[in-house]
Amino acid sequence: MPNEIWIALCLVLVFEGLFLFAAPEAWQRMARELIEMPPRQLRAGGAIAAVIGLVLLQLFL
């Protein structure tokens, strides 16, 4: 089980790196927009993303 966690974290790094490599300007634009968003809205978006991720994980396991 712990091995799968490391594999998942490595895959996150791979995808993040690929997106940064493929579209750095889009990442910079997104970062500027995120700075202007209120923390409450960012927190809600993070919670929604986490819940969706957990639901999808349950579907695929």
C-alpha atoms as a PDB file:
ATOM      1  CA  MET A   1       0.000   0.000   0.000  1.00  0.00           C
ATOM      2  CA  PRO A   2       2.623   2.652   0.878  1.00  0.00           C
ATOM      3  CA  ASN A   3       4.334   1.942  -2.456  1.00  0.00           C
ATOM      4  CA  GLU A   4       1.164   2.934  -4.345  1.00  0.00           C
ATOM      5  CA  ILE A   5       1.078   6.246  -2.508  1.00  0.00           C
ATOM      6  CA  TRP A   6       4.597   7.068  -3.710  1.00  0.00           C
ATOM      7  CA  ILE A   7       3.670   6.023  -7.240  1.00  0.00           C
ATOM      8  CA  ALA A   8       0.605   8.294  -7.132  1.00  0.00           C
ATOM      9  CA  LEU A   9       2.667  11.233  -5.849  1.00  0.00           C
ATOM     10  CA  CYS A  10       5.252  10.671  -8.581  1.00  0.00           C
ATOM     11  CA  LEU A  11       2.507  10.668 -11.215  1.00  0.00           C
ATOM     12  CA  VAL A  12       1.204  13.967  -9.844  1.00  0.00           C
ATOM     13  CA  LEU A  13       4.693  15.438 -10.271  1.00  0.00           C
ATOM     14  CA  VAL A  14       4.912  14.078 -13.827  1.00  0.00           C
ATOM     15  CA  PHE A  15       1.561  15.606 -14.825  1.00  0.00           C
ATOM     16  CA  GLU A  16       2.317  18.922 -13.132  1.00  0.00           C
ATOM     17  CA  GLY A  17       5.686  19.058 -14.861  1.00  0.00           C
ATOM     18  CA  LEU A  18       4.185  18.226 -18.256  1.00  0.00           C
ATOM     19  CA  PHE A  19       1.572  20.949 -17.940  1.00  0.00           C
ATOM     20  CA  LEU A  20       4.201  23.501 -16.889  1.00  0.00           C
ATOM     21  CA  PHE A  21       6.429  22.418 -19.770  1.00  0.00           C
ATOM     22  CA  ALA A  22       3.647  22.497 -22.370  1.00  0.00           C
ATOM     23  CA  ALA A  23       1.910  25.736 -21.365  1.00  0.00           C
ATOM     24  CA  PRO A  24       3.957  27.957 -19.041  1.00  0.00           C
ATOM     25  CA  GLU A  25       2.091  31.129 -20.065  1.00  0.00           C
ATOM     26  CA  ALA A  26      -1.257  29.562 -19.183  1.00  0.00           C
ATOM     27  CA  TRP A  27       0.109  28.620 -15.738  1.00  0.00           C
ATOM     28  CA  GLN A  28       1.320  32.161 -15.149  1.00  0.00           C
ATOM     29  CA  ARG A  29      -2.054  33.561 -16.191  1.00  0.00           C
ATOM     30  CA  MET A  30      -3.844  31.121 -13.893  1.00  0.00           C
ATOM     31  CA  ALA A  31      -1.543  32.036 -10.976  1.00  0.00           C
ATOM     32  CA  ARG A  32      -2.320  35.736 -11.442  1.00  0.00           C
ATOM     33  CA  GLU A  33      -6.051  34.979 -11.418  1.00  0.00           C
ATOM     34  CA  LEU A  34      -5.742  32.776  -8.320  1.00  0.00           C
ATOM     35  CA  ILE A  35      -4.018  35.563  -6.381  1.00  0.00           C
ATOM     36  CA  GLU A  36      -7.054  37.769  -6.918  1.00  0.00           C
ATOM     37  CA  MET A  37      -9.570  35.158  -5.746  1.00  0.00           C
ATOM     38  CA  PRO A  38     -10.758  35.275  -2.130  1.00  0.00           C
ATOM     39  CA  PRO A  39      -9.381  32.502   0.105  1.00  0.00           C
ATOM     40  CA  ARG A  40     -12.879  31.202   0.819  1.00  0.00           C
ATOM     41  CA  GLN A  41     -13.494  30.584  -2.879  1.00  0.00           C
ATOM     42  CA  LEU A  42     -10.123  28.839  -3.255  1.00  0.00           C
ATOM     43  CA  ARG A  43     -10.886  26.669  -0.222  1.00  0.00           C
ATOM     44  CA  ALA A  44     -14.283  25.709  -1.652  1.00  0.00           C
ATOM     45  CA  GLY A  45     -12.713  24.832  -5.005  1.00  0.00           C
ATOM     46  CA  GLY A  46     -10.094  22.692  -3.284  1.00  0.00           C
ATOM     47  CA  ALA A  47     -12.728  20.882  -1.233  1.00  0.00           C
ATOM     48  CA  ILE A  48     -14.825  20.193  -4.329  1.00  0.00           C
ATOM     49  CA  ALA A  49     -11.778  18.902  -6.222  1.00  0.00           C
ATOM     50  CA  ALA A  50     -10.835  16.628  -3.305  1.00  0.00           C
ATOM     51  CA  VAL A  51     -14.347  15.191  -3.048  1.00  0.00           C
ATOM     52  CA  ILE A  52     -14.513  14.569  -6.801  1.00  0.00           C
ATOM     53  CA  GLY A  53     -11.096  12.900  -6.629  1.00  0.00           C
ATOM     54  CA  LEU A  54     -12.191  10.639  -3.765  1.00  0.00           C
ATOM     55  CA  VAL A  55     -15.417   9.667  -5.558  1.00  0.00           C
ATOM     56  CA  LEU A  56     -13.518   8.853  -8.756  1.00  0.00           C
ATOM     57  CA  LEU A  57     -10.944   6.894  -6.778  1.00  0.00           C
ATOM     58  CA  GLN A  58     -13.713   4.784  -5.255  1.00  0.00           C
ATOM     59  CA  LEU A  59     -15.194   4.163  -8.705  1.00  0.00           C
ATOM     60  CA  PHE A  60     -11.880   2.959 -10.139  1.00  0.00           C
ATOM     61  CA  LEU A  61     -10.812   0.794  -7.185  1.00  0.00           C
END
